[in-house]
Amino acid sequence: MTETNTTNQTRRGIRLTVIGCVAFILLMIAFLINNLLTPRVMTADELRLNGAVVFDTPRRFDDFTLLNQKGDGFTRADLVGQWSLVFFGFTHCPDICPTTMAELDRLLKNLPADIAADTEVILVSLDPARDTPEVLSEYVGYFDPTFIGVTGDFLTLRRFANQVNVAFNKVTIGDDYTVDHSANVVLINPRGDYHGFFKPPFELAKLKATYSSIHQSFKH
């Protein structure tokens, strides 16, 4: 073997070694990036410590017929096919309702794109006498045009709220009234079942971490 051939083989060997090292480094970088971008799956205890409660077995609830902010019918079937973050409140609520809706808007804007695209936010009114579809349309649209507002017959709203463990009570104040209510955010899974809930106070970092974990671990 001539000296030239030996030199060429040596160079080829060095080149292949360098290519192999670079490929390995790129593979490790891709692995690390994937780990950073993939939500970590939390245990049930970790979720609970961070304000999220997930049921061992999601709970089925009865069908219902309500109206959305466009005046169209809204039933349990509208909750099937994506995740739903459902908050029960009312538009005259002075504090917890607008604060929670704003926090859900921040959450949706900070979620990974694929999870955000698979998530809808719904406000269910506990004050149907004042919260007409038109009123709800303006209210939810203020936070995000994709948000859904739901109203309807009081007894239907009461049954729906009871089945997802949302307590509320009308309180008379002179000639006016307000509504005391649970501040939990109800989580409905893509099968349309009551999957769990998030407890206040709501913090963006905790909401994002817990919800992303729940979404990641769900088996369709």
C-alpha atoms as a PDB file:
ATOM      1  CA  MET A   1       0.000   0.000   0.000  1.00  0.00           C
ATOM      2  CA  THR A   2       1.437   3.346  -1.031  1.00  0.00           C
ATOM      3  CA  GLU A   3       1.905   6.263   1.329  1.00  0.00           C
ATOM      4  CA  THR A   4      -0.765   8.219  -0.597  1.00  0.00           C
ATOM      5  CA  ASN A   5      -3.373   5.484  -0.104  1.00  0.00           C
ATOM      6  CA  THR A   6      -2.546   5.243   3.578  1.00  0.00           C
ATOM      7  CA  THR A   7      -2.945   9.003   3.958  1.00  0.00           C
ATOM      8  CA  ASN A   8      -6.282   8.963   2.128  1.00  0.00           C
ATOM      9  CA  GLN A   9      -7.572   6.143   4.313  1.00  0.00           C
ATOM     10  CA  THR A  10      -6.452   7.972   7.437  1.00  0.00           C
ATOM     11  CA  ARG A  11      -8.215  11.143   6.312  1.00  0.00           C
ATOM     12  CA  ARG A  12     -11.344   9.131   5.462  1.00  0.00           C
ATOM     13  CA  GLY A  13     -11.255   7.508   8.884  1.00  0.00           C
ATOM     14  CA  ILE A  14     -10.891  10.867  10.607  1.00  0.00           C
ATOM     15  CA  ARG A  15     -13.730  12.302   8.508  1.00  0.00           C
ATOM     16  CA  LEU A  16     -16.048   9.393   9.395  1.00  0.00           C
ATOM     17  CA  THR A  17     -15.152   9.727  13.076  1.00  0.00           C
ATOM     18  CA  VAL A  18     -15.902  13.461  13.017  1.00  0.00           C
ATOM     19  CA  ILE A  19     -19.205  12.861  11.198  1.00  0.00           C
ATOM     20  CA  GLY A  20     -20.119  10.189  13.724  1.00  0.00           C
ATOM     21  CA  CYS A  21     -19.302  12.477  16.666  1.00  0.00           C
ATOM     22  CA  VAL A  22     -21.294  15.360  15.174  1.00  0.00           C
ATOM     23  CA  ALA A  23     -24.281  13.064  14.487  1.00  0.00           C
ATOM     24  CA  PHE A  24     -24.134  11.777  18.077  1.00  0.00           C
ATOM     25  CA  ILE A  25     -23.984  15.319  19.480  1.00  0.00           C
ATOM     26  CA  LEU A  26     -26.928  16.404  17.303  1.00  0.00           C
ATOM     27  CA  LEU A  27     -28.897  13.349  18.436  1.00  0.00           C
ATOM     28  CA  MET A  28     -28.228  14.170  22.090  1.00  0.00           C
ATOM     29  CA  ILE A  29     -29.234  17.810  21.539  1.00  0.00           C
ATOM     30  CA  ALA A  30     -32.477  16.697  19.869  1.00  0.00           C
ATOM     31  CA  PHE A  31     -33.140  14.327  22.788  1.00  0.00           C
ATOM     32  CA  LEU A  32     -32.587  17.097  25.343  1.00  0.00           C
ATOM     33  CA  ILE A  33     -34.785  19.548  23.419  1.00  0.00           C
ATOM     34  CA  ASN A  34     -37.544  16.949  23.171  1.00  0.00           C
ATOM     35  CA  ASN A  35     -37.344  16.360  26.930  1.00  0.00           C
ATOM     36  CA  LEU A  36     -37.546  20.091  27.586  1.00  0.00           C
ATOM     37  CA  LEU A  37     -40.526  20.571  25.272  1.00  0.00           C
ATOM     38  CA  THR A  38     -42.445  17.465  26.351  1.00  0.00           C
ATOM     39  CA  PRO A  39     -44.558  18.152  29.458  1.00  0.00           C
ATOM     40  CA  ARG A  40     -43.505  16.111  32.466  1.00  0.00           C
ATOM     41  CA  VAL A  41     -46.185  13.701  33.643  1.00  0.00           C
ATOM     42  CA  MET A  42     -46.920  14.369  37.321  1.00  0.00           C
ATOM     43  CA  THR A  43     -48.163  11.858  39.858  1.00  0.00           C
ATOM     44  CA  ALA A  44     -51.620  12.272  41.376  1.00  0.00           C
ATOM     45  CA  ASP A  45     -50.038  13.589  44.583  1.00  0.00           C
ATOM     46  CA  GLU A  46     -47.932  16.111  42.667  1.00  0.00           C
ATOM     47  CA  LEU A  47     -50.999  17.296  40.778  1.00  0.00           C
ATOM     48  CA  ARG A  48     -52.959  17.697  43.997  1.00  0.00           C
ATOM     49  CA  LEU A  49     -50.139  19.640  45.655  1.00  0.00           C
ATOM     50  CA  ASN A  50     -50.258  22.023  42.698  1.00  0.00           C
ATOM     51  CA  GLY A  51     -54.018  22.552  42.828  1.00  0.00           C
ATOM     52  CA  ALA A  52     -55.250  19.938  40.327  1.00  0.00           C
ATOM     53  CA  VAL A  53     -57.477  16.989  41.232  1.00  0.00           C
ATOM     54  CA  VAL A  54     -57.882  14.152  38.711  1.00  0.00           C
ATOM     55  CA  PHE A  55     -60.354  11.323  39.293  1.00  0.00           C
ATOM     56  CA  ASP A  56     -59.217   7.713  39.058  1.00  0.00           C
ATOM     57  CA  THR A  57     -62.282   7.123  36.880  1.00  0.00           C
ATOM     58  CA  PRO A  58     -63.728  10.093  34.931  1.00  0.00           C
ATOM     59  CA  ARG A  59     -67.397  10.698  35.696  1.00  0.00           C
ATOM     60  CA  ARG A  60     -70.164  10.641  33.105  1.00  0.00           C
ATOM     61  CA  PHE A  61     -72.911  13.232  33.526  1.00  0.00           C
ATOM     62  CA  ASP A  62     -76.375  13.560  31.987  1.00  0.00           C
ATOM     63  CA  ASP A  63     -77.004  15.288  28.699  1.00  0.00           C
ATOM     64  CA  PHE A  64     -78.397  18.817  28.738  1.00  0.00           C
ATOM     65  CA  THR A  65     -79.589  21.479  26.329  1.00  0.00           C
ATOM     66  CA  LEU A  66     -78.414  25.044  26.848  1.00  0.00           C
ATOM     67  CA  LEU A  67     -77.581  28.003  24.576  1.00  0.00           C
ATOM     68  CA  ASN A  68     -74.197  29.372  23.598  1.00  0.00           C
ATOM     69  CA  GLN A  69     -73.392  33.058  23.107  1.00  0.00           C
ATOM     70  CA  LYS A  70     -74.560  32.864  19.486  1.00  0.00           C
ATOM     71  CA  GLY A  71     -77.998  31.583  20.519  1.00  0.00           C
ATOM     72  CA  ASP A  72     -77.264  28.101  19.178  1.00  0.00           C
ATOM     73  CA  GLY A  73     -78.002  24.929  21.106  1.00  0.00           C
ATOM     74  CA  PHE A  74     -75.209  23.669  23.355  1.00  0.00           C
ATOM     75  CA  THR A  75     -75.288  20.069  24.603  1.00  0.00           C
ATOM     76  CA  ARG A  76     -72.951  17.482  26.078  1.00  0.00           C
ATOM     77  CA  ALA A  77     -71.999  16.499  22.513  1.00  0.00           C
ATOM     78  CA  ASP A  78     -70.304  19.902  22.147  1.00  0.00           C
ATOM     79  CA  LEU A  79     -67.887  18.880  24.887  1.00  0.00           C
ATOM     80  CA  VAL A  80     -66.721  15.806  22.973  1.00  0.00           C
ATOM     81  CA  GLY A  81     -63.600  15.865  20.802  1.00  0.00           C
ATOM     82  CA  GLN A  82     -61.404  18.272  22.752  1.00  0.00           C
ATOM     83  CA  TRP A  83     -60.522  19.232  26.304  1.00  0.00           C
ATOM     84  CA  SER A  84     -62.819  21.775  27.973  1.00  0.00           C
ATOM     85  CA  LEU A  85     -61.908  24.113  30.824  1.00  0.00           C
ATOM     86  CA  VAL A  86     -65.303  25.054  32.251  1.00  0.00           C
ATOM     87  CA  PHE A  87     -65.823  27.891  34.712  1.00  0.00           C
ATOM     88  CA  PHE A  88     -69.194  28.545  36.330  1.00  0.00           C
ATOM     89  CA  GLY A  89     -69.708  32.256  37.014  1.00  0.00           C
ATOM     90  CA  PHE A  90     -71.665  35.312  35.880  1.00  0.00           C
ATOM     91  CA  THR A  91     -70.974  38.571  34.111  1.00  0.00           C
ATOM     92  CA  HIS A  92     -71.880  40.834  37.064  1.00  0.00           C
ATOM     93  CA  CYS A  93     -69.290  39.070  39.238  1.00  0.00           C
ATOM     94  CA  PRO A  94     -66.924  41.782  40.516  1.00  0.00           C
ATOM     95  CA  ASP A  95     -63.736  39.843  41.177  1.00  0.00           C
ATOM     96  CA  ILE A  96     -63.190  36.075  40.937  1.00  0.00           C
ATOM     97  CA  CYS A  97     -64.943  35.658  37.570  1.00  0.00           C
ATOM     98  CA  PRO A  98     -63.028  38.259  35.529  1.00  0.00           C
ATOM     99  CA  THR A  99     -59.796  37.282  37.293  1.00  0.00           C
ATOM    100  CA  THR A 100     -60.281  33.601  36.460  1.00  0.00           C
ATOM    101  CA  MET A 101     -61.284  34.279  32.861  1.00  0.00           C
ATOM    102  CA  ALA A 102     -58.190  36.453  32.407  1.00  0.00           C
ATOM    103  CA  GLU A 103     -56.025  33.696  33.883  1.00  0.00           C
ATOM    104  CA  LEU A 104     -57.534  31.118  31.518  1.00  0.00           C
ATOM    105  CA  ASP A 105     -56.818  33.465  28.628  1.00  0.00           C
ATOM    106  CA  ARG A 106     -53.173  33.701  29.758  1.00  0.00           C
ATOM    107  CA  LEU A 107     -53.022  29.912  30.093  1.00  0.00           C
ATOM    108  CA  LEU A 108     -54.329  29.318  26.571  1.00  0.00           C
ATOM    109  CA  LYS A 109     -51.800  31.756  25.128  1.00  0.00           C
ATOM    110  CA  ASN A 110     -48.889  30.099  26.970  1.00  0.00           C
ATOM    111  CA  LEU A 111     -49.680  26.444  26.294  1.00  0.00           C
ATOM    112  CA  PRO A 112     -47.761  24.466  23.638  1.00  0.00           C
ATOM    113  CA  ALA A 113     -49.503  25.024  20.296  1.00  0.00           C
ATOM    114  CA  ASP A 114     -50.784  21.446  19.998  1.00  0.00           C
ATOM    115  CA  ILE A 115     -52.341  21.484  23.480  1.00  0.00           C
ATOM    116  CA  ALA A 116     -53.856  24.948  22.991  1.00  0.00           C
ATOM    117  CA  ALA A 117     -55.445  23.801  19.721  1.00  0.00           C
ATOM    118  CA  ASP A 118     -57.025  20.889  21.616  1.00  0.00           C
ATOM    119  CA  THR A 119     -58.508  23.093  24.360  1.00  0.00           C
ATOM    120  CA  GLU A 120     -61.627  25.235  24.671  1.00  0.00           C
ATOM    121  CA  VAL A 121     -62.617  27.585  27.493  1.00  0.00           C
ATOM    122  CA  ILE A 122     -66.274  27.792  28.508  1.00  0.00           C
ATOM    123  CA  LEU A 123     -68.055  30.161  30.885  1.00  0.00           C
ATOM    124  CA  VAL A 124     -71.339  28.706  32.150  1.00  0.00           C
ATOM    125  CA  SER A 125     -73.553  31.469  33.547  1.00  0.00           C
ATOM    126  CA  LEU A 126     -75.151  31.015  36.945  1.00  0.00           C
ATOM    127  CA  ASP A 127     -77.248  34.131  36.352  1.00  0.00           C
ATOM    128  CA  PRO A 128     -79.416  33.334  33.306  1.00  0.00           C
ATOM    129  CA  ALA A 129     -81.876  36.138  34.141  1.00  0.00           C
ATOM    130  CA  ARG A 130     -79.264  38.755  33.265  1.00  0.00           C
ATOM    131  CA  ASP A 131     -76.784  36.795  31.173  1.00  0.00           C
ATOM    132  CA  THR A 132     -78.474  36.532  27.806  1.00  0.00           C
ATOM    133  CA  PRO A 133     -76.522  35.145  24.836  1.00  0.00           C
ATOM    134  CA  GLU A 134     -75.872  38.727  23.696  1.00  0.00           C
ATOM    135  CA  VAL A 135     -74.471  39.724  27.093  1.00  0.00           C
ATOM    136  CA  LEU A 136     -72.304  36.597  27.233  1.00  0.00           C
ATOM    137  CA  SER A 137     -71.027  37.182  23.699  1.00  0.00           C
ATOM    138  CA  GLU A 138     -69.678  40.595  24.630  1.00  0.00           C
ATOM    139  CA  TYR A 139     -68.301  39.373  27.948  1.00  0.00           C
ATOM    140  CA  VAL A 140     -66.357  36.293  26.796  1.00  0.00           C
ATOM    141  CA  GLY A 141     -65.256  38.081  23.629  1.00  0.00           C
ATOM    142  CA  TYR A 142     -63.517  40.674  25.784  1.00  0.00           C
ATOM    143  CA  PHE A 143     -61.142  37.971  27.039  1.00  0.00           C
ATOM    144  CA  ASP A 144     -60.753  35.868  23.892  1.00  0.00           C
ATOM    145  CA  PRO A 145     -62.944  35.601  20.775  1.00  0.00           C
ATOM    146  CA  THR A 146     -62.640  31.801  20.885  1.00  0.00           C
ATOM    147  CA  PHE A 147     -64.123  31.541  24.386  1.00  0.00           C
ATOM    148  CA  ILE A 148     -67.623  30.110  24.675  1.00  0.00           C
ATOM    149  CA  GLY A 149     -70.394  31.485  26.871  1.00  0.00           C
ATOM    150  CA  VAL A 150     -73.308  29.260  27.891  1.00  0.00           C
ATOM    151  CA  THR A 151     -76.666  30.128  29.436  1.00  0.00           C
ATOM    152  CA  GLY A 152     -80.174  28.684  29.501  1.00  0.00           C
ATOM    153  CA  ASP A 153     -82.917  27.407  31.760  1.00  0.00           C
ATOM    154  CA  PHE A 154     -82.050  27.792  35.458  1.00  0.00           C
ATOM    155  CA  LEU A 155     -82.987  24.230  36.439  1.00  0.00           C
ATOM    156  CA  THR A 156     -80.875  22.793  33.611  1.00  0.00           C
ATOM    157  CA  LEU A 157     -77.933  24.934  34.707  1.00  0.00           C
ATOM    158  CA  ARG A 158     -78.463  23.796  38.303  1.00  0.00           C
ATOM    159  CA  ARG A 159     -78.461  20.103  37.325  1.00  0.00           C
ATOM    160  CA  PHE A 160     -75.327  20.505  35.216  1.00  0.00           C
ATOM    161  CA  ALA A 161     -73.536  22.382  38.016  1.00  0.00           C
ATOM    162  CA  ASN A 162     -74.537  19.783  40.605  1.00  0.00           C
ATOM    163  CA  GLN A 163     -73.166  16.930  38.491  1.00  0.00           C
ATOM    164  CA  VAL A 164     -69.728  18.559  38.291  1.00  0.00           C
ATOM    165  CA  ASN A 165     -69.739  19.511  41.986  1.00  0.00           C
ATOM    166  CA  VAL A 166     -70.176  23.252  41.521  1.00  0.00           C
ATOM    167  CA  ALA A 167     -72.149  24.813  44.356  1.00  0.00           C
ATOM    168  CA  PHE A 168     -73.835  28.200  43.994  1.00  0.00           C
ATOM    169  CA  ASN A 169     -76.472  30.267  45.726  1.00  0.00           C
ATOM    170  CA  LYS A 170     -78.370  33.446  44.856  1.00  0.00           C
ATOM    171  CA  VAL A 171     -77.926  36.088  47.575  1.00  0.00           C
ATOM    172  CA  THR A 172     -80.291  39.072  47.819  1.00  0.00           C
ATOM    173  CA  ILE A 173     -78.709  42.433  48.612  1.00  0.00           C
ATOM    174  CA  GLY A 174     -81.431  45.054  49.060  1.00  0.00           C
ATOM    175  CA  ASP A 175     -83.161  45.419  45.707  1.00  0.00           C
ATOM    176  CA  ASP A 176     -80.303  43.655  43.922  1.00  0.00           C
ATOM    177  CA  TYR A 177     -78.649  40.244  44.155  1.00  0.00           C
ATOM    178  CA  THR A 178     -75.388  38.462  43.594  1.00  0.00           C
ATOM    179  CA  VAL A 179     -74.399  34.811  43.217  1.00  0.00           C
ATOM    180  CA  ASP A 180     -72.047  33.026  45.585  1.00  0.00           C
ATOM    181  CA  HIS A 181     -70.374  30.138  43.803  1.00  0.00           C
ATOM    182  CA  SER A 182     -67.506  27.679  43.729  1.00  0.00           C
ATOM    183  CA  ALA A 183     -64.395  29.041  42.032  1.00  0.00           C
ATOM    184  CA  ASN A 184     -63.062  25.711  40.742  1.00  0.00           C
ATOM    185  CA  VAL A 185     -62.340  25.269  37.039  1.00  0.00           C
ATOM    186  CA  VAL A 186     -63.945  22.019  35.875  1.00  0.00           C
ATOM    187  CA  LEU A 187     -61.987  19.824  33.450  1.00  0.00           C
ATOM    188  CA  ILE A 188     -63.939  17.839  30.836  1.00  0.00           C
ATOM    189  CA  ASN A 189     -61.949  15.315  28.801  1.00  0.00           C
ATOM    190  CA  PRO A 190     -62.345  14.650  25.041  1.00  0.00           C
ATOM    191  CA  ARG A 191     -64.849  11.873  25.738  1.00  0.00           C
ATOM    192  CA  GLY A 192     -67.137  14.433  27.339  1.00  0.00           C
ATOM    193  CA  ASP A 193     -66.618  13.143  30.888  1.00  0.00           C
ATOM    194  CA  TYR A 194     -65.888  15.045  34.093  1.00  0.00           C
ATOM    195  CA  HIS A 195     -62.147  14.411  34.447  1.00  0.00           C
ATOM    196  CA  GLY A 196     -61.231  16.534  37.461  1.00  0.00           C
ATOM    197  CA  PHE A 197     -60.869  20.169  38.495  1.00  0.00           C
ATOM    198  CA  PHE A 198     -58.413  22.949  39.306  1.00  0.00           C
ATOM    199  CA  LYS A 199     -58.624  24.763  42.635  1.00  0.00           C
ATOM    200  CA  PRO A 200     -57.934  28.464  43.196  1.00  0.00           C
ATOM    201  CA  PRO A 201     -55.853  30.494  43.663  1.00  0.00           C
ATOM    202  CA  PHE A 202     -54.783  30.139  40.049  1.00  0.00           C
ATOM    203  CA  GLU A 203     -51.177  30.723  39.034  1.00  0.00           C
ATOM    204  CA  LEU A 204     -50.115  30.500  35.408  1.00  0.00           C
ATOM    205  CA  ALA A 205     -47.056  28.311  36.037  1.00  0.00           C
ATOM    206  CA  LYS A 206     -49.009  25.752  38.078  1.00  0.00           C
ATOM    207  CA  LEU A 207     -51.977  25.707  35.716  1.00  0.00           C
ATOM    208  CA  LYS A 208     -49.726  25.223  32.709  1.00  0.00           C
ATOM    209  CA  ALA A 209     -47.677  22.446  34.335  1.00  0.00           C
ATOM    210  CA  THR A 210     -50.647  20.505  35.728  1.00  0.00           C
ATOM    211  CA  TYR A 211     -52.895  20.810  32.699  1.00  0.00           C
ATOM    212  CA  SER A 212     -50.073  19.937  30.280  1.00  0.00           C
ATOM    213  CA  SER A 213     -49.276  16.876  32.393  1.00  0.00           C
ATOM    214  CA  ILE A 214     -52.903  15.733  32.418  1.00  0.00           C
ATOM    215  CA  HIS A 215     -53.196  16.269  28.664  1.00  0.00           C
ATOM    216  CA  GLN A 216     -49.945  14.373  28.038  1.00  0.00           C
ATOM    217  CA  SER A 217     -50.951  11.336  30.111  1.00  0.00           C
ATOM    218  CA  PHE A 218     -54.506  10.939  28.765  1.00  0.00           C
ATOM    219  CA  LYS A 219     -55.176   7.806  26.739  1.00  0.00           C
ATOM    220  CA  HIS A 220     -57.698   8.509  23.959  1.00  0.00           C
END
